[in-house]
Amino acid sequence: MNDLVVTFAERLAQEARERAHERRQRLEEQSSNLNSPDVRIRVWEKLHGLSLPSDPMHPILDVVASATGLTLAQVKEEQRIRGLNATASKAQNPAR
């Protein structure tokens, strides 16, 4: 029975290491200069389970900029682009 407990404990520890590794990778992706602002912000959204707010004065924008290594202007530009895309999508599909 002790082997089952150790095996279970080892499995839990391995899963925790894997989750930590994945989180570290995501944190690197969210601030990597190799990724576009869109990608960095989407990684931030996924990590935190939040969506970028549409309000250009929302206080979380400073947090997003800092976490992603982007400027506040870059984050607001991504907001603007998303707003335009949402408007265009609604115009193309008015029934939604």
PDB file of N, CA and C in Angstrom:
ATOM      1  N   MET A   1       0.826  -1.197   0.000  1.00  0.00           N
ATOM      2  CA  MET A   1       0.000   0.000   0.000  1.00  0.00           C
ATOM      3  C   MET A   1       0.865   1.254   0.000  1.00  0.00           C
ATOM      4  N   ASN A   2       1.990   1.184   0.678  1.00  0.00           N
ATOM      5  CA  ASN A   2       2.884   2.326   0.717  1.00  0.00           C
ATOM      6  C   ASN A   2       3.346   2.713  -0.689  1.00  0.00           C
ATOM      7  N   ASP A   3       3.560   1.703  -1.569  1.00  0.00           N
ATOM      8  CA  ASP A   3       3.957   1.980  -2.939  1.00  0.00           C
ATOM      9  C   ASP A   3       2.884   2.770  -3.676  1.00  0.00           C
ATOM     10  N   LEU A   4       1.627   2.460  -3.419  1.00  0.00           N
ATOM     11  CA  LEU A   4       0.544   3.200  -4.064  1.00  0.00           C
ATOM     12  C   LEU A   4       0.543   4.657  -3.625  1.00  0.00           C
ATOM     13  N   VAL A   5       0.770   4.905  -2.362  1.00  0.00           N
ATOM     14  CA  VAL A   5       0.795   6.272  -1.848  1.00  0.00           C
ATOM     15  C   VAL A   5       1.966   7.031  -2.449  1.00  0.00           C
ATOM     16  N   VAL A   6       3.125   6.401  -2.471  1.00  0.00           N
ATOM     17  CA  VAL A   6       4.308   7.053  -3.042  1.00  0.00           C
ATOM     18  C   VAL A   6       4.073   7.317  -4.522  1.00  0.00           C
ATOM     19  N   THR A   7       3.542   6.345  -5.219  1.00  0.00           N
ATOM     20  CA  THR A   7       3.277   6.518  -6.644  1.00  0.00           C
ATOM     21  C   THR A   7       2.275   7.656  -6.870  1.00  0.00           C
ATOM     22  N   PHE A   8       1.242   7.679  -6.079  1.00  0.00           N
ATOM     23  CA  PHE A   8       0.258   8.755  -6.197  1.00  0.00           C
ATOM     24  C   PHE A   8       0.905  10.099  -5.870  1.00  0.00           C
ATOM     25  N   ALA A   9       1.681  10.149  -4.812  1.00  0.00           N
ATOM     26  CA  ALA A   9       2.359  11.382  -4.417  1.00  0.00           C
ATOM     27  C   ALA A   9       3.349  11.816  -5.497  1.00  0.00           C
ATOM     28  N   GLU A  10       4.042  10.863  -6.062  1.00  0.00           N
ATOM     29  CA  GLU A  10       4.982  11.186  -7.143  1.00  0.00           C
ATOM     30  C   GLU A  10       4.246  11.718  -8.363  1.00  0.00           C
ATOM     31  N   ARG A  11       3.109  11.110  -8.655  1.00  0.00           N
ATOM     32  CA  ARG A  11       2.325  11.569  -9.805  1.00  0.00           C
ATOM     33  C   ARG A  11       1.835  12.997  -9.588  1.00  0.00           C
ATOM     34  N   LEU A  12       1.360  13.277  -8.383  1.00  0.00           N
ATOM     35  CA  LEU A  12       0.921  14.637  -8.069  1.00  0.00           C
ATOM     36  C   LEU A  12       2.069  15.630  -8.186  1.00  0.00           C
ATOM     37  N   ALA A  13       3.229  15.234  -7.698  1.00  0.00           N
ATOM     38  CA  ALA A  13       4.398  16.112  -7.775  1.00  0.00           C
ATOM     39  C   ALA A  13       4.793  16.359  -9.231  1.00  0.00           C
ATOM     40  N   GLN A  14       4.750  15.310 -10.045  1.00  0.00           N
ATOM     41  CA  GLN A  14       5.080  15.457 -11.466  1.00  0.00           C
ATOM     42  C   GLN A  14       4.086  16.388 -12.157  1.00  0.00           C
ATOM     43  N   GLU A  15       2.811  16.233 -11.865  1.00  0.00           N
ATOM     44  CA  GLU A  15       1.793  17.106 -12.456  1.00  0.00           C
ATOM     45  C   GLU A  15       2.014  18.550 -12.030  1.00  0.00           C
ATOM     46  N   ALA A  16       2.389  18.755 -10.786  1.00  0.00           N
ATOM     47  CA  ALA A  16       2.659  20.114 -10.300  1.00  0.00           C
ATOM     48  C   ALA A  16       3.866  20.703 -11.018  1.00  0.00           C
ATOM     49  N   ARG A  17       4.893  19.886 -11.236  1.00  0.00           N
ATOM     50  CA  ARG A  17       6.076  20.372 -11.974  1.00  0.00           C
ATOM     51  C   ARG A  17       5.705  20.734 -13.407  1.00  0.00           C
ATOM     52  N   GLU A  18       4.864  19.917 -14.030  1.00  0.00           N
ATOM     53  CA  GLU A  18       4.437  20.188 -15.406  1.00  0.00           C
ATOM     54  C   GLU A  18       3.627  21.486 -15.488  1.00  0.00           C
ATOM     55  N   ARG A  19       2.726  21.696 -14.527  1.00  0.00           N
ATOM     56  CA  ARG A  19       1.941  22.932 -14.515  1.00  0.00           C
ATOM     57  C   ARG A  19       2.844  24.146 -14.313  1.00  0.00           C
ATOM     58  N   ALA A  20       3.807  24.022 -13.435  1.00  0.00           N
ATOM     59  CA  ALA A  20       4.736  25.126 -13.178  1.00  0.00           C
ATOM     60  C   ALA A  20       5.568  25.419 -14.425  1.00  0.00           C
ATOM     61  N   HIS A  21       6.008  24.361 -15.106  1.00  0.00           N
ATOM     62  CA  HIS A  21       6.787  24.542 -16.335  1.00  0.00           C
ATOM     63  C   HIS A  21       5.954  25.245 -17.408  1.00  0.00           C
ATOM     64  N   GLU A  22       4.714  24.807 -17.571  1.00  0.00           N
ATOM     65  CA  GLU A  22       3.825  25.428 -18.564  1.00  0.00           C
ATOM     66  C   GLU A  22       3.571  26.893 -18.226  1.00  0.00           C
ATOM     67  N   ARG A  23       3.369  27.189 -16.956  1.00  0.00           N
ATOM     68  CA  ARG A  23       3.143  28.579 -16.543  1.00  0.00           C
ATOM     69  C   ARG A  23       4.378  29.441 -16.835  1.00  0.00           C
ATOM     70  N   ARG A  24       5.562  28.908 -16.553  1.00  0.00           N
ATOM     71  CA  ARG A  24       6.798  29.654 -16.855  1.00  0.00           C
ATOM     72  C   ARG A  24       6.902  29.931 -18.346  1.00  0.00           C
ATOM     73  N   GLN A  25       6.566  28.934 -19.164  1.00  0.00           N
ATOM     74  CA  GLN A  25       6.600  29.121 -20.614  1.00  0.00           C
ATOM     75  C   GLN A  25       5.629  30.218 -21.041  1.00  0.00           C
ATOM     76  N   ARG A  26       4.423  30.202 -20.498  1.00  0.00           N
ATOM     77  CA  ARG A  26       3.415  31.208 -20.837  1.00  0.00           C
ATOM     78  C   ARG A  26       3.889  32.599 -20.409  1.00  0.00           C
ATOM     79  N   LEU A  27       4.494  32.678 -19.235  1.00  0.00           N
ATOM     80  CA  LEU A  27       5.003  33.973 -18.764  1.00  0.00           C
ATOM     81  C   LEU A  27       6.089  34.496 -19.702  1.00  0.00           C
ATOM     82  N   GLU A  28       6.925  33.595 -20.198  1.00  0.00           N
ATOM     83  CA  GLU A  28       7.949  33.997 -21.166  1.00  0.00           C
ATOM     84  C   GLU A  28       7.303  34.442 -22.475  1.00  0.00           C
ATOM     85  N   GLU A  29       6.291  33.716 -22.934  1.00  0.00           N
ATOM     86  CA  GLU A  29       5.594  34.068 -24.177  1.00  0.00           C
ATOM     87  C   GLU A  29       4.922  35.429 -24.067  1.00  0.00           C
ATOM     88  N   GLN A  30       4.376  35.729 -22.895  1.00  0.00           N
ATOM     89  CA  GLN A  30       3.605  36.957 -22.737  1.00  0.00           C
ATOM     90  C   GLN A  30       4.493  38.196 -22.811  1.00  0.00           C
ATOM     91  N   SER A  31       5.793  38.049 -22.605  1.00  0.00           N
ATOM     92  CA  SER A  31       6.656  39.224 -22.668  1.00  0.00           C
ATOM     93  C   SER A  31       7.761  39.100 -23.710  1.00  0.00           C
ATOM     94  N   SER A  32       7.702  38.076 -24.536  1.00  0.00           N
ATOM     95  CA  SER A  32       8.737  37.860 -25.543  1.00  0.00           C
ATOM     96  C   SER A  32       8.624  38.871 -26.680  1.00  0.00           C
ATOM     97  N   ASN A  33       9.756  39.486 -27.006  1.00  0.00           N
ATOM     98  CA  ASN A  33       9.794  40.423 -28.138  1.00  0.00           C
ATOM     99  C   ASN A  33       9.539  39.713 -29.461  1.00  0.00           C
ATOM    100  N   LEU A  34       9.622  38.407 -29.464  1.00  0.00           N
ATOM    101  CA  LEU A  34       9.358  37.642 -30.689  1.00  0.00           C
ATOM    102  C   LEU A  34       7.868  37.567 -30.999  1.00  0.00           C
ATOM    103  N   ASN A  35       7.028  37.858 -30.008  1.00  0.00           N
ATOM    104  CA  ASN A  35       5.575  37.795 -30.184  1.00  0.00           C
ATOM    105  C   ASN A  35       4.997  39.189 -30.396  1.00  0.00           C
ATOM    106  N   SER A  36       3.973  39.241 -31.216  1.00  0.00           N
ATOM    107  CA  SER A  36       3.284  40.509 -31.478  1.00  0.00           C
ATOM    108  C   SER A  36       2.503  40.946 -30.238  1.00  0.00           C
ATOM    109  N   PRO A  37       2.129  42.226 -30.171  1.00  0.00           N
ATOM    110  CA  PRO A  37       1.291  42.664 -29.048  1.00  0.00           C
ATOM    111  C   PRO A  37       0.023  41.834 -28.906  1.00  0.00           C
ATOM    112  N   ASP A  38      -0.599  41.485 -30.022  1.00  0.00           N
ATOM    113  CA  ASP A  38      -1.813  40.666 -29.982  1.00  0.00           C
ATOM    114  C   ASP A  38      -1.552  39.335 -29.276  1.00  0.00           C
ATOM    115  N   VAL A  39      -0.494  38.665 -29.654  1.00  0.00           N
ATOM    116  CA  VAL A  39      -0.170  37.364 -29.064  1.00  0.00           C
ATOM    117  C   VAL A  39       0.146  37.526 -27.585  1.00  0.00           C
ATOM    118  N   ARG A  40       0.949  38.523 -27.240  1.00  0.00           N
ATOM    119  CA  ARG A  40       1.308  38.738 -25.833  1.00  0.00           C
ATOM    120  C   ARG A  40       0.069  38.980 -24.973  1.00  0.00           C
ATOM    121  N   ILE A  41      -0.829  39.799 -25.479  1.00  0.00           N
ATOM    122  CA  ILE A  41      -2.040  40.115 -24.718  1.00  0.00           C
ATOM    123  C   ILE A  41      -2.934  38.881 -24.611  1.00  0.00           C
ATOM    124  N   ARG A  42      -3.038  38.107 -25.671  1.00  0.00           N
ATOM    125  CA  ARG A  42      -3.849  36.878 -25.615  1.00  0.00           C
ATOM    126  C   ARG A  42      -3.267  35.880 -24.601  1.00  0.00           C
ATOM    127  N   VAL A  43      -1.952  35.792 -24.530  1.00  0.00           N
ATOM    128  CA  VAL A  43      -1.334  34.917 -23.523  1.00  0.00           C
ATOM    129  C   VAL A  43      -1.667  35.442 -22.125  1.00  0.00           C
ATOM    130  N   TRP A  44      -1.573  36.755 -21.930  1.00  0.00           N
ATOM    131  CA  TRP A  44      -1.916  37.349 -20.632  1.00  0.00           C
ATOM    132  C   TRP A  44      -3.369  37.023 -20.275  1.00  0.00           C
ATOM    133  N   GLU A  45      -4.262  37.167 -21.250  1.00  0.00           N
ATOM    134  CA  GLU A  45      -5.682  36.876 -21.016  1.00  0.00           C
ATOM    135  C   GLU A  45      -5.871  35.419 -20.590  1.00  0.00           C
ATOM    136  N   LYS A  46      -5.191  34.517 -21.268  1.00  0.00           N
ATOM    137  CA  LYS A  46      -5.334  33.096 -20.950  1.00  0.00           C
ATOM    138  C   LYS A  46      -4.773  32.788 -19.559  1.00  0.00           C
ATOM    139  N   LEU A  47      -3.626  33.353 -19.245  1.00  0.00           N
ATOM    140  CA  LEU A  47      -3.017  33.115 -17.938  1.00  0.00           C
ATOM    141  C   LEU A  47      -3.910  33.575 -16.791  1.00  0.00           C
ATOM    142  N   HIS A  48      -4.595  34.690 -17.003  1.00  0.00           N
ATOM    143  CA  HIS A  48      -5.377  35.286 -15.919  1.00  0.00           C
ATOM    144  C   HIS A  48      -6.877  35.046 -16.032  1.00  0.00           C
ATOM    145  N   GLY A  49      -7.295  34.410 -17.120  1.00  0.00           N
ATOM    146  CA  GLY A  49      -8.719  34.130 -17.291  1.00  0.00           C
ATOM    147  C   GLY A  49      -9.535  35.406 -17.424  1.00  0.00           C
ATOM    148  N   LEU A  50      -8.932  36.434 -18.011  1.00  0.00           N
ATOM    149  CA  LEU A  50      -9.594  37.724 -18.186  1.00  0.00           C
ATOM    150  C   LEU A  50      -9.522  38.137 -19.644  1.00  0.00           C
ATOM    151  N   SER A  51     -10.397  39.055 -20.019  1.00  0.00           N
ATOM    152  CA  SER A  51     -10.358  39.636 -21.352  1.00  0.00           C
ATOM    153  C   SER A  51      -9.893  41.077 -21.247  1.00  0.00           C
ATOM    154  N   LEU A  52      -9.212  41.523 -22.267  1.00  0.00           N
ATOM    155  CA  LEU A  52      -8.789  42.916 -22.313  1.00  0.00           C
ATOM    156  C   LEU A  52     -10.042  43.783 -22.341  1.00  0.00           C
ATOM    157  N   PRO A  53     -10.184  44.692 -21.384  1.00  0.00           N
ATOM    158  CA  PRO A  53     -11.389  45.529 -21.381  1.00  0.00           C
ATOM    159  C   PRO A  53     -11.396  46.485 -22.566  1.00  0.00           C
ATOM    160  N   SER A  54     -12.575  46.919 -22.958  1.00  0.00           N
ATOM    161  CA  SER A  54     -12.682  47.839 -24.093  1.00  0.00           C
ATOM    162  C   SER A  54     -12.530  49.294 -23.672  1.00  0.00           C
ATOM    163  N   ASP A  55     -12.643  49.579 -22.390  1.00  0.00           N
ATOM    164  CA  ASP A  55     -12.512  50.943 -21.876  1.00  0.00           C
ATOM    165  C   ASP A  55     -11.045  51.379 -21.917  1.00  0.00           C
ATOM    166  N   PRO A  56     -10.706  52.398 -22.716  1.00  0.00           N
ATOM    167  CA  PRO A  56      -9.308  52.824 -22.824  1.00  0.00           C
ATOM    168  C   PRO A  56      -8.764  53.469 -21.543  1.00  0.00           C
ATOM    169  N   MET A  57      -9.615  53.713 -20.568  1.00  0.00           N
ATOM    170  CA  MET A  57      -9.165  54.295 -19.308  1.00  0.00           C
ATOM    171  C   MET A  57      -9.159  53.267 -18.167  1.00  0.00           C
ATOM    172  N   HIS A  58      -9.421  52.014 -18.482  1.00  0.00           N
ATOM    173  CA  HIS A  58      -9.490  50.976 -17.446  1.00  0.00           C
ATOM    174  C   HIS A  58      -8.121  50.843 -16.771  1.00  0.00           C
ATOM    175  N   PRO A  59      -8.094  50.801 -15.445  1.00  0.00           N
ATOM    176  CA  PRO A  59      -6.818  50.743 -14.733  1.00  0.00           C
ATOM    177  C   PRO A  59      -6.008  49.462 -14.959  1.00  0.00           C
ATOM    178  N   ILE A  60      -6.634  48.386 -15.400  1.00  0.00           N
ATOM    179  CA  ILE A  60      -5.897  47.139 -15.620  1.00  0.00           C
ATOM    180  C   ILE A  60      -4.960  47.247 -16.813  1.00  0.00           C
ATOM    181  N   LEU A  61      -5.166  48.225 -17.672  1.00  0.00           N
ATOM    182  CA  LEU A  61      -4.321  48.357 -18.860  1.00  0.00           C
ATOM    183  C   LEU A  61      -2.857  48.554 -18.488  1.00  0.00           C
ATOM    184  N   ASP A  62      -2.607  49.296 -17.408  1.00  0.00           N
ATOM    185  CA  ASP A  62      -1.232  49.487 -16.942  1.00  0.00           C
ATOM    186  C   ASP A  62      -0.624  48.143 -16.527  1.00  0.00           C
ATOM    187  N   VAL A  63      -1.422  47.309 -15.896  1.00  0.00           N
ATOM    188  CA  VAL A  63      -0.961  45.984 -15.462  1.00  0.00           C
ATOM    189  C   VAL A  63      -0.651  45.118 -16.686  1.00  0.00           C
ATOM    190  N   VAL A  64      -1.532  45.159 -17.668  1.00  0.00           N
ATOM    191  CA  VAL A  64      -1.329  44.378 -18.892  1.00  0.00           C
ATOM    192  C   VAL A  64      -0.054  44.840 -19.585  1.00  0.00           C
ATOM    193  N   ALA A  65       0.123  46.140 -19.697  1.00  0.00           N
ATOM    194  CA  ALA A  65       1.325  46.677 -20.347  1.00  0.00           C
ATOM    195  C   ALA A  65       2.584  46.217 -19.615  1.00  0.00           C
ATOM    196  N   SER A  66       2.581  46.322 -18.317  1.00  0.00           N
ATOM    197  CA  SER A  66       3.747  45.932 -17.527  1.00  0.00           C
ATOM    198  C   SER A  66       4.039  44.439 -17.657  1.00  0.00           C
ATOM    199  N   ALA A  67       3.012  43.627 -17.563  1.00  0.00           N
ATOM    200  CA  ALA A  67       3.191  42.166 -17.607  1.00  0.00           C
ATOM    201  C   ALA A  67       3.637  41.680 -18.973  1.00  0.00           C
ATOM    202  N   THR A  68       3.234  42.376 -20.021  1.00  0.00           N
ATOM    203  CA  THR A  68       3.548  41.940 -21.379  1.00  0.00           C
ATOM    204  C   THR A  68       4.791  42.615 -21.954  1.00  0.00           C
ATOM    205  N   GLY A  69       5.311  43.604 -21.234  1.00  0.00           N
ATOM    206  CA  GLY A  69       6.472  44.329 -21.747  1.00  0.00           C
ATOM    207  C   GLY A  69       6.111  45.283 -22.866  1.00  0.00           C
ATOM    208  N   LEU A  70       4.841  45.606 -22.976  1.00  0.00           N
ATOM    209  CA  LEU A  70       4.366  46.542 -23.997  1.00  0.00           C
ATOM    210  C   LEU A  70       4.193  47.919 -23.362  1.00  0.00           C
ATOM    211  N   THR A  71       4.111  48.913 -24.209  1.00  0.00           N
ATOM    212  CA  THR A  71       3.782  50.246 -23.709  1.00  0.00           C
ATOM    213  C   THR A  71       2.269  50.346 -23.567  1.00  0.00           C
ATOM    214  N   LEU A  72       1.831  51.310 -22.775  1.00  0.00           N
ATOM    215  CA  LEU A  72       0.393  51.537 -22.634  1.00  0.00           C
ATOM    216  C   LEU A  72      -0.207  51.885 -23.995  1.00  0.00           C
ATOM    217  N   ALA A  73       0.534  52.630 -24.806  1.00  0.00           N
ATOM    218  CA  ALA A  73       0.051  52.980 -26.146  1.00  0.00           C
ATOM    219  C   ALA A  73      -0.153  51.731 -27.005  1.00  0.00           C
ATOM    220  N   GLN A  74       0.731  50.750 -26.895  1.00  0.00           N
ATOM    221  CA  GLN A  74       0.579  49.508 -27.666  1.00  0.00           C
ATOM    222  C   GLN A  74      -0.652  48.722 -27.210  1.00  0.00           C
ATOM    223  N   VAL A  75      -0.885  48.692 -25.909  1.00  0.00           N
ATOM    224  CA  VAL A  75      -2.061  47.985 -25.384  1.00  0.00           C
ATOM    225  C   VAL A  75      -3.328  48.686 -25.870  1.00  0.00           C
ATOM    226  N   LYS A  76      -3.342  50.007 -25.817  1.00  0.00           N
ATOM    227  CA  LYS A  76      -4.518  50.747 -26.275  1.00  0.00           C
ATOM    228  C   LYS A  76      -4.730  50.593 -27.782  1.00  0.00           C
ATOM    229  N   GLU A  77      -3.640  50.469 -28.528  1.00  0.00           N
ATOM    230  CA  GLU A  77      -3.763  50.243 -29.972  1.00  0.00           C
ATOM    231  C   GLU A  77      -4.401  48.875 -30.232  1.00  0.00           C
ATOM    232  N   GLU A  78      -4.014  47.877 -29.454  1.00  0.00           N
ATOM    233  CA  GLU A  78      -4.638  46.553 -29.591  1.00  0.00           C
ATOM    234  C   GLU A  78      -6.122  46.636 -29.242  1.00  0.00           C
ATOM    235  N   GLN A  79      -6.472  47.413 -28.236  1.00  0.00           N
ATOM    236  CA  GLN A  79      -7.885  47.635 -27.892  1.00  0.00           C
ATOM    237  C   GLN A  79      -8.629  48.236 -29.080  1.00  0.00           C
ATOM    238  N   ARG A  80      -8.010  49.238 -29.682  1.00  0.00           N
ATOM    239  CA  ARG A  80      -8.632  49.922 -30.811  1.00  0.00           C
ATOM    240  C   ARG A  80      -8.863  48.950 -31.964  1.00  0.00           C
ATOM    241  N   ILE A  81      -7.845  48.139 -32.270  1.00  0.00           N
ATOM    242  CA  ILE A  81      -7.954  47.159 -33.355  1.00  0.00           C
ATOM    243  C   ILE A  81      -9.064  46.157 -33.060  1.00  0.00           C
ATOM    244  N   ARG A  82      -9.116  45.685 -31.836  1.00  0.00           N
ATOM    245  CA  ARG A  82     -10.166  44.723 -31.464  1.00  0.00           C
ATOM    246  C   ARG A  82     -11.545  45.353 -31.577  1.00  0.00           C
ATOM    247  N   GLY A  83     -11.647  46.613 -31.191  1.00  0.00           N
ATOM    248  CA  GLY A  83     -12.919  47.315 -31.305  1.00  0.00           C
ATOM    249  C   GLY A  83     -13.359  47.435 -32.754  1.00  0.00           C
ATOM    250  N   LEU A  84     -12.403  47.760 -33.628  1.00  0.00           N
ATOM    251  CA  LEU A  84     -12.715  47.855 -35.060  1.00  0.00           C
ATOM    252  C   LEU A  84     -13.133  46.488 -35.611  1.00  0.00           C
ATOM    253  N   ASN A  85     -12.421  45.447 -35.209  1.00  0.00           N
ATOM    254  CA  ASN A  85     -12.758  44.092 -35.676  1.00  0.00           C
ATOM    255  C   ASN A  85     -14.140  43.673 -35.190  1.00  0.00           C
ATOM    256  N   ALA A  86     -14.465  44.009 -33.953  1.00  0.00           N
ATOM    257  CA  ALA A  86     -15.787  43.657 -33.414  1.00  0.00           C
ATOM    258  C   ALA A  86     -16.880  44.403 -34.165  1.00  0.00           C
ATOM    259  N   THR A  87     -16.639  45.663 -34.460  1.00  0.00           N
ATOM    260  CA  THR A  87     -17.616  46.471 -35.199  1.00  0.00           C
ATOM    261  C   THR A  87     -17.803  45.914 -36.606  1.00  0.00           C
ATOM    262  N   ALA A  88     -16.700  45.560 -37.266  1.00  0.00           N
ATOM    263  CA  ALA A  88     -16.779  44.999 -38.619  1.00  0.00           C
ATOM    264  C   ALA A  88     -17.508  43.660 -38.599  1.00  0.00           C
ATOM    265  N   SER A  89     -17.255  42.867 -37.586  1.00  0.00           N
ATOM    266  CA  SER A  89     -17.918  41.567 -37.477  1.00  0.00           C
ATOM    267  C   SER A  89     -19.428  41.729 -37.295  1.00  0.00           C
ATOM    268  N   LYS A  90     -19.811  42.690 -36.477  1.00  0.00           N
ATOM    269  CA  LYS A  90     -21.244  42.943 -36.268  1.00  0.00           C
ATOM    270  C   LYS A  90     -21.900  43.454 -37.544  1.00  0.00           C
ATOM    271  N   ALA A  91     -21.190  44.265 -38.301  1.00  0.00           N
ATOM    272  CA  ALA A  91     -21.727  44.791 -39.552  1.00  0.00           C
ATOM    273  C   ALA A  91     -21.935  43.676 -40.569  1.00  0.00           C
ATOM    274  N   GLN A  92     -21.040  42.690 -40.559  1.00  0.00           N
ATOM    275  CA  GLN A  92     -21.148  41.572 -41.499  1.00  0.00           C
ATOM    276  C   GLN A  92     -22.213  40.561 -41.076  1.00  0.00           C
ATOM    277  N   ASN A  93     -22.447  40.470 -39.769  1.00  0.00           N
ATOM    278  CA  ASN A  93     -23.408  39.502 -39.227  1.00  0.00           C
ATOM    279  C   ASN A  93     -24.393  40.219 -38.309  1.00  0.00           C
ATOM    280  N   PRO A  94     -25.288  41.025 -38.835  1.00  0.00           N
ATOM    281  CA  PRO A  94     -26.170  41.824 -37.986  1.00  0.00           C
ATOM    282  C   PRO A  94     -27.129  41.003 -37.118  1.00  0.00           C
ATOM    283  N   ALA A  95     -27.379  39.756 -37.464  1.00  0.00           N
ATOM    284  CA  ALA A  95     -28.308  38.936 -36.679  1.00  0.00           C
ATOM    285  C   ALA A  95     -27.709  38.520 -35.338  1.00  0.00           C
ATOM    286  N   ARG A  96     -26.407  38.600 -35.185  1.00  0.00           N
ATOM    287  CA  ARG A  96     -25.754  38.191 -33.933  1.00  0.00           C
ATOM    288  C   ARG A  96     -25.996  39.160 -32.876  1.00  0.00           C
TER     289      ARG A  96
END
